[in-house]
Amino acid sequence: MADQSGRRGGEKVRQIDPRPKHQPIEHRGPCAACGKDEWRFYATSWRCVHCERRRWKEQNPPAKERARALKRKYGLTVEDFDALLLEQQGRCDICGDPMTGKLEPMVDHCHSTEKVRALLCAGCNTLLGGAQDDPQRLVAALDYLVRQHPERFPR
């Protein structure tokens, strides 16, 4: 049976917080810790966005975050990753270029089986991703390059 508001007995009305989550709250003023005036509602209370980001980064250093991402995405530990890099002698498994400095090795994996195949440089990993791991597409791209630049690819 519906009540006067048109809802049936026992149904709960969801209350929506009308306060925007990313806009400053005028009555709060600047944060006492950092001086910024950007607040957001986190779970149970309003907190300074900048202080929360800093706190999160302190609790999740890059090495810890990298280990977590490798485990979550590929099922690899940092030790597995390092062993694979050592096995490949620090080189891309496709082009053979060294992966040092800013050229962070990327994990290549099969998207259908999720099995890790090798470590690749960003260019080769992007090449495979763009071809959607389709060998025929890669062969067609090679044929295209040979046709467009016959002087670079003598037969």
N, C-alpha and C. Protein backbone atom coordinates (compact mmCIF):
# COMPACT_ATOMS: atom_id res chain seq x y z
N MET A 1 0.83 -1.17 0.00
CA MET A 1 0.00 0.00 0.00
C MET A 1 0.88 1.25 0.00
N ALA A 2 0.60 2.17 -0.87
CA ALA A 2 1.40 3.39 -0.98
C ALA A 2 0.94 4.43 0.02
N ASP A 3 1.90 5.18 0.56
CA ASP A 3 1.53 6.26 1.47
C ASP A 3 1.28 7.53 0.66
N GLN A 4 1.17 8.66 1.32
CA GLN A 4 0.83 9.91 0.64
C GLN A 4 1.91 10.36 -0.35
N SER A 5 3.16 9.97 -0.10
CA SER A 5 4.24 10.39 -1.00
C SER A 5 4.30 9.53 -2.26
N GLY A 6 3.53 8.43 -2.30
CA GLY A 6 3.51 7.58 -3.48
C GLY A 6 4.45 6.41 -3.39
N ARG A 7 5.18 6.28 -2.29
CA ARG A 7 6.08 5.14 -2.18
C ARG A 7 5.43 4.07 -1.31
N ARG A 8 5.85 2.86 -1.55
CA ARG A 8 5.28 1.74 -0.82
C ARG A 8 5.90 1.65 0.57
N GLY A 9 5.21 1.04 1.47
CA GLY A 9 5.71 0.88 2.84
C GLY A 9 7.01 0.08 2.86
N GLY A 10 7.94 0.50 3.67
CA GLY A 10 9.20 -0.21 3.81
C GLY A 10 10.28 0.24 2.85
N GLU A 11 9.93 0.97 1.79
CA GLU A 11 10.95 1.46 0.87
C GLU A 11 11.70 2.61 1.51
N LYS A 12 12.99 2.60 1.36
CA LYS A 12 13.79 3.68 1.92
C LYS A 12 14.07 4.71 0.85
N VAL A 13 14.06 5.96 1.24
CA VAL A 13 14.38 7.04 0.33
C VAL A 13 15.86 7.34 0.48
N ARG A 14 16.58 7.32 -0.61
CA ARG A 14 18.02 7.58 -0.57
C ARG A 14 18.25 9.07 -0.46
N GLN A 15 18.98 9.46 0.55
CA GLN A 15 19.30 10.87 0.74
C GLN A 15 20.57 11.19 -0.05
N ILE A 16 20.52 12.21 -0.88
CA ILE A 16 21.67 12.60 -1.68
C ILE A 16 22.27 13.85 -1.05
N ASP A 17 23.57 13.79 -0.82
CA ASP A 17 24.27 14.94 -0.23
C ASP A 17 24.35 16.03 -1.30
N PRO A 18 23.73 17.17 -1.08
CA PRO A 18 23.71 18.23 -2.10
C PRO A 18 25.04 18.96 -2.23
N ARG A 19 25.99 18.72 -1.31
CA ARG A 19 27.25 19.44 -1.33
C ARG A 19 28.17 18.87 -2.41
N PRO A 20 28.71 19.71 -3.27
CA PRO A 20 29.65 19.21 -4.28
C PRO A 20 30.92 18.71 -3.62
N LYS A 21 31.53 17.67 -4.19
CA LYS A 21 32.69 17.04 -3.55
C LYS A 21 34.00 17.76 -3.81
N HIS A 22 34.14 18.50 -4.91
CA HIS A 22 35.44 19.10 -5.23
C HIS A 22 35.50 20.60 -5.06
N GLN A 23 34.41 21.22 -4.69
CA GLN A 23 34.44 22.67 -4.57
C GLN A 23 34.76 23.08 -3.15
N PRO A 24 35.43 24.23 -2.99
CA PRO A 24 35.76 24.67 -1.65
C PRO A 24 34.51 24.94 -0.82
N ILE A 25 34.62 24.70 0.45
CA ILE A 25 33.53 24.99 1.38
C ILE A 25 33.82 26.35 1.98
N GLU A 26 32.97 27.30 1.73
CA GLU A 26 33.24 28.67 2.13
C GLU A 26 33.47 28.83 3.62
N HIS A 27 32.69 28.15 4.43
CA HIS A 27 32.81 28.36 5.87
C HIS A 27 34.05 27.71 6.48
N ARG A 28 34.75 26.87 5.73
CA ARG A 28 35.92 26.18 6.27
C ARG A 28 37.17 27.06 6.23
N GLY A 29 37.33 27.85 5.20
CA GLY A 29 38.52 28.66 5.08
C GLY A 29 39.72 27.82 4.69
N PRO A 30 40.90 28.41 4.69
CA PRO A 30 42.09 27.67 4.29
C PRO A 30 42.46 26.60 5.32
N CYS A 31 43.13 25.57 4.84
CA CYS A 31 43.58 24.48 5.70
C CYS A 31 44.66 25.01 6.65
N ALA A 32 44.59 24.62 7.89
CA ALA A 32 45.57 25.07 8.88
C ALA A 32 46.96 24.50 8.58
N ALA A 33 47.04 23.32 7.97
CA ALA A 33 48.33 22.67 7.72
C ALA A 33 49.03 23.20 6.47
N CYS A 34 48.28 23.39 5.37
CA CYS A 34 48.94 23.76 4.10
C CYS A 34 48.50 25.12 3.56
N GLY A 35 47.41 25.65 4.06
CA GLY A 35 46.95 26.96 3.61
C GLY A 35 46.09 26.94 2.36
N LYS A 36 45.86 25.78 1.77
CA LYS A 36 45.02 25.67 0.57
C LYS A 36 43.56 25.65 0.99
N ASP A 37 42.70 26.07 0.07
CA ASP A 37 41.26 26.11 0.38
C ASP A 37 40.51 25.21 -0.59
N GLU A 38 40.83 23.92 -0.56
CA GLU A 38 40.14 22.96 -1.42
C GLU A 38 39.79 21.75 -0.56
N TRP A 39 38.52 21.54 -0.35
CA TRP A 39 38.04 20.52 0.57
C TRP A 39 37.23 19.47 -0.17
N ARG A 40 37.22 18.26 0.37
CA ARG A 40 36.43 17.17 -0.21
C ARG A 40 35.92 16.29 0.92
N PHE A 41 34.75 15.72 0.69
CA PHE A 41 34.17 14.84 1.69
C PHE A 41 34.71 13.43 1.48
N TYR A 42 35.52 12.94 2.44
CA TYR A 42 36.10 11.60 2.39
C TYR A 42 35.39 10.72 3.41
N ALA A 43 34.60 9.81 2.96
CA ALA A 43 33.90 8.81 3.78
C ALA A 43 33.05 9.43 4.89
N THR A 44 33.66 10.01 5.89
CA THR A 44 32.88 10.51 7.03
C THR A 44 33.13 11.96 7.36
N SER A 45 34.12 12.59 6.77
CA SER A 45 34.42 13.97 7.15
C SER A 45 35.02 14.75 5.99
N TRP A 46 34.96 16.08 6.11
CA TRP A 46 35.57 16.96 5.13
C TRP A 46 37.06 17.06 5.43
N ARG A 47 37.90 16.90 4.38
CA ARG A 47 39.34 16.99 4.57
C ARG A 47 39.95 17.79 3.43
N CYS A 48 41.11 18.35 3.68
CA CYS A 48 41.84 19.11 2.68
C CYS A 48 42.34 18.15 1.60
N VAL A 49 42.07 18.43 0.34
CA VAL A 49 42.45 17.58 -0.77
C VAL A 49 43.96 17.43 -0.84
N HIS A 50 44.69 18.52 -0.69
CA HIS A 50 46.14 18.50 -0.82
C HIS A 50 46.80 17.71 0.31
N CYS A 51 46.32 17.88 1.51
CA CYS A 51 46.88 17.13 2.65
C CYS A 51 46.57 15.64 2.52
N GLU A 52 45.38 15.30 2.02
CA GLU A 52 45.03 13.89 1.83
C GLU A 52 45.91 13.25 0.77
N ARG A 53 46.19 13.96 -0.34
CA ARG A 53 47.07 13.43 -1.38
C ARG A 53 48.47 13.20 -0.84
N ARG A 54 48.98 14.19 -0.07
CA ARG A 54 50.31 14.07 0.51
C ARG A 54 50.36 12.88 1.48
N ARG A 55 49.34 12.73 2.30
CA ARG A 55 49.28 11.63 3.26
C ARG A 55 49.26 10.29 2.52
N TRP A 56 48.45 10.21 1.42
CA TRP A 56 48.37 8.97 0.66
C TRP A 56 49.72 8.62 0.05
N LYS A 57 50.42 9.63 -0.51
CA LYS A 57 51.72 9.38 -1.13
C LYS A 57 52.76 8.94 -0.11
N GLU A 58 52.67 9.48 1.10
CA GLU A 58 53.59 9.06 2.17
C GLU A 58 53.34 7.61 2.57
N GLN A 59 52.09 7.21 2.59
CA GLN A 59 51.75 5.85 2.98
C GLN A 59 51.94 4.85 1.84
N ASN A 60 52.01 5.34 0.60
CA ASN A 60 52.16 4.48 -0.57
C ASN A 60 53.34 4.94 -1.42
N PRO A 61 54.57 4.69 -0.97
CA PRO A 61 55.73 5.13 -1.76
C PRO A 61 55.75 4.44 -3.11
N PRO A 62 56.45 5.03 -4.11
CA PRO A 62 56.45 4.47 -5.46
C PRO A 62 56.85 3.00 -5.54
N ALA A 63 57.84 2.58 -4.75
CA ALA A 63 58.27 1.18 -4.81
C ALA A 63 57.15 0.25 -4.34
N LYS A 64 56.45 0.65 -3.29
CA LYS A 64 55.34 -0.15 -2.77
C LYS A 64 54.19 -0.19 -3.77
N GLU A 65 53.92 0.94 -4.39
CA GLU A 65 52.84 1.03 -5.38
C GLU A 65 53.18 0.20 -6.62
N ARG A 66 54.47 0.22 -7.04
CA ARG A 66 54.90 -0.58 -8.19
C ARG A 66 54.73 -2.06 -7.90
N ALA A 67 55.12 -2.49 -6.71
CA ALA A 67 54.98 -3.90 -6.34
C ALA A 67 53.51 -4.31 -6.34
N ARG A 68 52.66 -3.44 -5.82
CA ARG A 68 51.23 -3.73 -5.77
C ARG A 68 50.64 -3.81 -7.18
N ALA A 69 51.05 -2.89 -8.06
CA ALA A 69 50.53 -2.88 -9.43
C ALA A 69 50.99 -4.11 -10.21
N LEU A 70 52.26 -4.51 -10.05
CA LEU A 70 52.75 -5.71 -10.75
C LEU A 70 51.97 -6.94 -10.30
N LYS A 71 51.72 -7.05 -9.01
CA LYS A 71 50.99 -8.21 -8.48
C LYS A 71 49.54 -8.20 -8.96
N ARG A 72 48.90 -7.02 -8.90
CA ARG A 72 47.49 -6.92 -9.27
C ARG A 72 47.26 -7.13 -10.76
N LYS A 73 48.10 -6.51 -11.60
CA LYS A 73 47.88 -6.58 -13.04
C LYS A 73 48.37 -7.87 -13.68
N TYR A 74 49.55 -8.35 -13.23
CA TYR A 74 50.19 -9.46 -13.94
C TYR A 74 50.48 -10.68 -13.07
N GLY A 75 50.25 -10.58 -11.76
CA GLY A 75 50.54 -11.70 -10.86
C GLY A 75 52.04 -11.88 -10.63
N LEU A 76 52.84 -10.83 -10.89
CA LEU A 76 54.29 -10.89 -10.72
C LEU A 76 54.72 -10.23 -9.43
N THR A 77 55.74 -10.78 -8.81
CA THR A 77 56.38 -10.08 -7.70
C THR A 77 57.50 -9.23 -8.29
N VAL A 78 58.05 -8.34 -7.50
CA VAL A 78 59.16 -7.52 -7.97
C VAL A 78 60.35 -8.43 -8.30
N GLU A 79 60.53 -9.49 -7.51
CA GLU A 79 61.61 -10.44 -7.76
C GLU A 79 61.43 -11.15 -9.11
N ASP A 80 60.19 -11.53 -9.44
CA ASP A 80 59.89 -12.15 -10.74
C ASP A 80 60.23 -11.19 -11.88
N PHE A 81 59.83 -9.93 -11.71
CA PHE A 81 60.08 -8.90 -12.72
C PHE A 81 61.58 -8.73 -12.93
N ASP A 82 62.32 -8.61 -11.82
CA ASP A 82 63.77 -8.43 -11.91
C ASP A 82 64.45 -9.64 -12.55
N ALA A 83 63.97 -10.85 -12.23
CA ALA A 83 64.54 -12.07 -12.81
C ALA A 83 64.29 -12.10 -14.32
N LEU A 84 63.12 -11.68 -14.75
CA LEU A 84 62.79 -11.64 -16.17
C LEU A 84 63.66 -10.61 -16.89
N LEU A 85 63.88 -9.47 -16.25
CA LEU A 85 64.74 -8.43 -16.82
C LEU A 85 66.19 -8.92 -16.94
N LEU A 86 66.65 -9.64 -15.92
CA LEU A 86 68.00 -10.19 -15.94
C LEU A 86 68.14 -11.27 -17.02
N GLU A 87 67.11 -12.10 -17.15
CA GLU A 87 67.10 -13.15 -18.18
C GLU A 87 67.19 -12.55 -19.58
N GLN A 88 66.55 -11.39 -19.78
CA GLN A 88 66.58 -10.70 -21.08
C GLN A 88 67.80 -9.78 -21.19
N GLN A 89 68.68 -9.79 -20.21
CA GLN A 89 69.88 -8.96 -20.17
C GLN A 89 69.57 -7.47 -20.28
N GLY A 90 68.42 -7.07 -19.73
CA GLY A 90 68.03 -5.67 -19.71
C GLY A 90 67.64 -5.10 -21.06
N ARG A 91 67.34 -5.98 -22.00
CA ARG A 91 67.00 -5.53 -23.36
C ARG A 91 65.57 -5.91 -23.73
N CYS A 92 65.01 -5.11 -24.64
CA CYS A 92 63.67 -5.39 -25.16
C CYS A 92 63.69 -6.72 -25.90
N ASP A 93 62.68 -7.53 -25.70
CA ASP A 93 62.64 -8.86 -26.31
C ASP A 93 62.35 -8.80 -27.82
N ILE A 94 61.90 -7.66 -28.33
CA ILE A 94 61.61 -7.55 -29.76
C ILE A 94 62.76 -6.85 -30.50
N CYS A 95 63.06 -5.60 -30.10
CA CYS A 95 64.06 -4.83 -30.85
C CYS A 95 65.47 -4.98 -30.29
N GLY A 96 65.61 -5.44 -29.06
CA GLY A 96 66.93 -5.64 -28.47
C GLY A 96 67.56 -4.40 -27.89
N ASP A 97 66.86 -3.26 -27.92
CA ASP A 97 67.41 -2.04 -27.34
C ASP A 97 67.47 -2.16 -25.82
N PRO A 98 68.50 -1.56 -25.21
CA PRO A 98 68.58 -1.61 -23.75
C PRO A 98 67.46 -0.79 -23.12
N MET A 99 66.91 -1.31 -22.02
CA MET A 99 65.82 -0.61 -21.31
C MET A 99 66.39 -0.09 -20.00
N THR A 100 67.01 1.09 -20.08
CA THR A 100 67.62 1.69 -18.91
C THR A 100 67.17 3.13 -18.78
N GLY A 101 67.39 3.70 -17.62
CA GLY A 101 67.04 5.10 -17.39
C GLY A 101 65.54 5.32 -17.49
N LYS A 102 65.15 6.24 -18.37
CA LYS A 102 63.73 6.57 -18.51
C LYS A 102 62.95 5.53 -19.30
N LEU A 103 63.66 4.63 -19.98
CA LEU A 103 62.99 3.59 -20.75
C LEU A 103 62.62 2.43 -19.83
N GLU A 104 61.62 2.64 -19.02
CA GLU A 104 61.15 1.63 -18.07
C GLU A 104 60.59 0.44 -18.84
N PRO A 105 61.04 -0.78 -18.51
CA PRO A 105 60.50 -1.96 -19.19
C PRO A 105 59.01 -2.11 -18.93
N MET A 106 58.30 -2.53 -19.95
CA MET A 106 56.86 -2.75 -19.83
C MET A 106 56.58 -4.24 -19.91
N VAL A 107 55.61 -4.70 -19.14
CA VAL A 107 55.26 -6.11 -19.13
C VAL A 107 54.32 -6.39 -20.30
N ASP A 108 54.75 -7.27 -21.20
CA ASP A 108 53.89 -7.69 -22.31
C ASP A 108 53.17 -8.95 -21.87
N HIS A 109 51.86 -8.96 -22.09
CA HIS A 109 51.07 -10.14 -21.70
C HIS A 109 49.97 -10.38 -22.73
N CYS A 110 49.54 -11.61 -22.79
CA CYS A 110 48.44 -12.00 -23.68
C CYS A 110 47.14 -11.52 -23.05
N HIS A 111 46.35 -10.77 -23.79
CA HIS A 111 45.12 -10.22 -23.22
C HIS A 111 44.02 -11.27 -23.05
N SER A 112 44.10 -12.36 -23.78
CA SER A 112 43.06 -13.38 -23.63
C SER A 112 43.39 -14.35 -22.50
N THR A 113 44.67 -14.72 -22.34
CA THR A 113 45.04 -15.67 -21.29
C THR A 113 45.63 -14.99 -20.07
N GLU A 114 45.98 -13.70 -20.18
CA GLU A 114 46.63 -12.93 -19.11
C GLU A 114 48.02 -13.45 -18.77
N LYS A 115 48.59 -14.32 -19.61
CA LYS A 115 49.92 -14.87 -19.36
C LYS A 115 50.99 -13.85 -19.75
N VAL A 116 51.98 -13.67 -18.87
CA VAL A 116 53.09 -12.76 -19.14
C VAL A 116 54.00 -13.40 -20.19
N ARG A 117 54.35 -12.61 -21.23
CA ARG A 117 55.20 -13.13 -22.30
C ARG A 117 56.65 -12.67 -22.14
N ALA A 118 56.86 -11.38 -21.97
CA ALA A 118 58.23 -10.84 -21.89
C ALA A 118 58.17 -9.39 -21.44
N LEU A 119 59.33 -8.77 -21.32
CA LEU A 119 59.43 -7.34 -21.06
C LEU A 119 59.81 -6.65 -22.36
N LEU A 120 59.13 -5.55 -22.65
CA LEU A 120 59.35 -4.83 -23.91
C LEU A 120 59.58 -3.36 -23.62
N CYS A 121 60.20 -2.67 -24.58
CA CYS A 121 60.30 -1.21 -24.49
C CYS A 121 58.92 -0.64 -24.83
N ALA A 122 58.72 0.62 -24.51
CA ALA A 122 57.41 1.25 -24.72
C ALA A 122 57.00 1.22 -26.19
N GLY A 123 57.95 1.47 -27.10
CA GLY A 123 57.62 1.48 -28.52
C GLY A 123 57.12 0.14 -29.02
N CYS A 124 57.82 -0.93 -28.64
CA CYS A 124 57.42 -2.27 -29.10
C CYS A 124 56.12 -2.71 -28.45
N ASN A 125 55.94 -2.36 -27.18
CA ASN A 125 54.70 -2.73 -26.50
C ASN A 125 53.50 -2.00 -27.14
N THR A 126 53.71 -0.74 -27.50
CA THR A 126 52.65 0.03 -28.16
C THR A 126 52.36 -0.54 -29.55
N LEU A 127 53.41 -0.97 -30.24
CA LEU A 127 53.25 -1.59 -31.56
C LEU A 127 52.36 -2.82 -31.48
N LEU A 128 52.65 -3.70 -30.52
CA LEU A 128 51.83 -4.91 -30.36
C LEU A 128 50.40 -4.56 -29.95
N GLY A 129 50.27 -3.61 -29.05
CA GLY A 129 48.93 -3.21 -28.60
C GLY A 129 48.12 -2.61 -29.73
N GLY A 130 48.77 -1.78 -30.55
CA GLY A 130 48.07 -1.16 -31.68
C GLY A 130 47.64 -2.19 -32.71
N ALA A 131 48.43 -3.25 -32.86
CA ALA A 131 48.09 -4.32 -33.80
C ALA A 131 47.14 -5.33 -33.17
N GLN A 132 46.78 -5.12 -31.93
CA GLN A 132 45.88 -6.01 -31.18
C GLN A 132 46.38 -7.45 -31.19
N ASP A 133 47.72 -7.58 -31.08
CA ASP A 133 48.39 -8.89 -31.03
C ASP A 133 48.04 -9.77 -32.23
N ASP A 134 47.74 -9.15 -33.37
CA ASP A 134 47.36 -9.88 -34.58
C ASP A 134 48.56 -9.97 -35.52
N PRO A 135 49.15 -11.17 -35.68
CA PRO A 135 50.32 -11.32 -36.56
C PRO A 135 50.05 -10.88 -38.00
N GLN A 136 48.85 -11.13 -38.51
CA GLN A 136 48.53 -10.74 -39.89
C GLN A 136 48.58 -9.22 -40.04
N ARG A 137 48.13 -8.50 -39.02
CA ARG A 137 48.16 -7.05 -39.07
C ARG A 137 49.61 -6.55 -39.06
N LEU A 138 50.47 -7.22 -38.29
CA LEU A 138 51.87 -6.82 -38.23
C LEU A 138 52.56 -7.11 -39.57
N VAL A 139 52.26 -8.24 -40.18
CA VAL A 139 52.82 -8.56 -41.50
C VAL A 139 52.33 -7.56 -42.54
N ALA A 140 51.06 -7.19 -42.48
CA ALA A 140 50.50 -6.21 -43.41
C ALA A 140 51.19 -4.85 -43.22
N ALA A 141 51.49 -4.49 -41.98
CA ALA A 141 52.18 -3.22 -41.71
C ALA A 141 53.59 -3.27 -42.28
N LEU A 142 54.27 -4.41 -42.16
CA LEU A 142 55.61 -4.56 -42.72
C LEU A 142 55.56 -4.45 -44.24
N ASP A 143 54.61 -5.11 -44.87
CA ASP A 143 54.45 -5.02 -46.33
C ASP A 143 54.21 -3.58 -46.75
N TYR A 144 53.42 -2.87 -46.00
CA TYR A 144 53.12 -1.46 -46.29
C TYR A 144 54.41 -0.63 -46.26
N LEU A 145 55.22 -0.82 -45.22
CA LEU A 145 56.47 -0.07 -45.12
C LEU A 145 57.40 -0.38 -46.28
N VAL A 146 57.49 -1.64 -46.67
CA VAL A 146 58.34 -2.03 -47.79
C VAL A 146 57.85 -1.38 -49.08
N ARG A 147 56.54 -1.35 -49.30
CA ARG A 147 55.97 -0.72 -50.50
C ARG A 147 56.21 0.79 -50.50
N GLN A 148 56.08 1.43 -49.37
CA GLN A 148 56.22 2.88 -49.28
C GLN A 148 57.67 3.34 -49.36
N HIS A 149 58.59 2.52 -48.90
CA HIS A 149 60.01 2.90 -48.87
C HIS A 149 60.87 1.78 -49.47
N PRO A 150 60.75 1.53 -50.78
CA PRO A 150 61.52 0.41 -51.39
C PRO A 150 63.04 0.63 -51.30
N GLU A 151 63.47 1.89 -51.23
CA GLU A 151 64.91 2.16 -51.15
C GLU A 151 65.50 1.74 -49.80
N ARG A 152 64.68 1.70 -48.79
CA ARG A 152 65.15 1.32 -47.44
C ARG A 152 65.11 -0.18 -47.23
N PHE A 153 64.32 -0.86 -48.03
CA PHE A 153 64.15 -2.32 -47.88
C PHE A 153 64.41 -3.02 -49.22
N PRO A 154 65.69 -3.13 -49.63
CA PRO A 154 65.96 -3.79 -50.91
C PRO A 154 65.63 -5.28 -50.83
N ARG A 155 65.17 -5.80 -51.94
CA ARG A 155 64.79 -7.23 -51.97
C ARG A 155 65.88 -8.07 -52.53
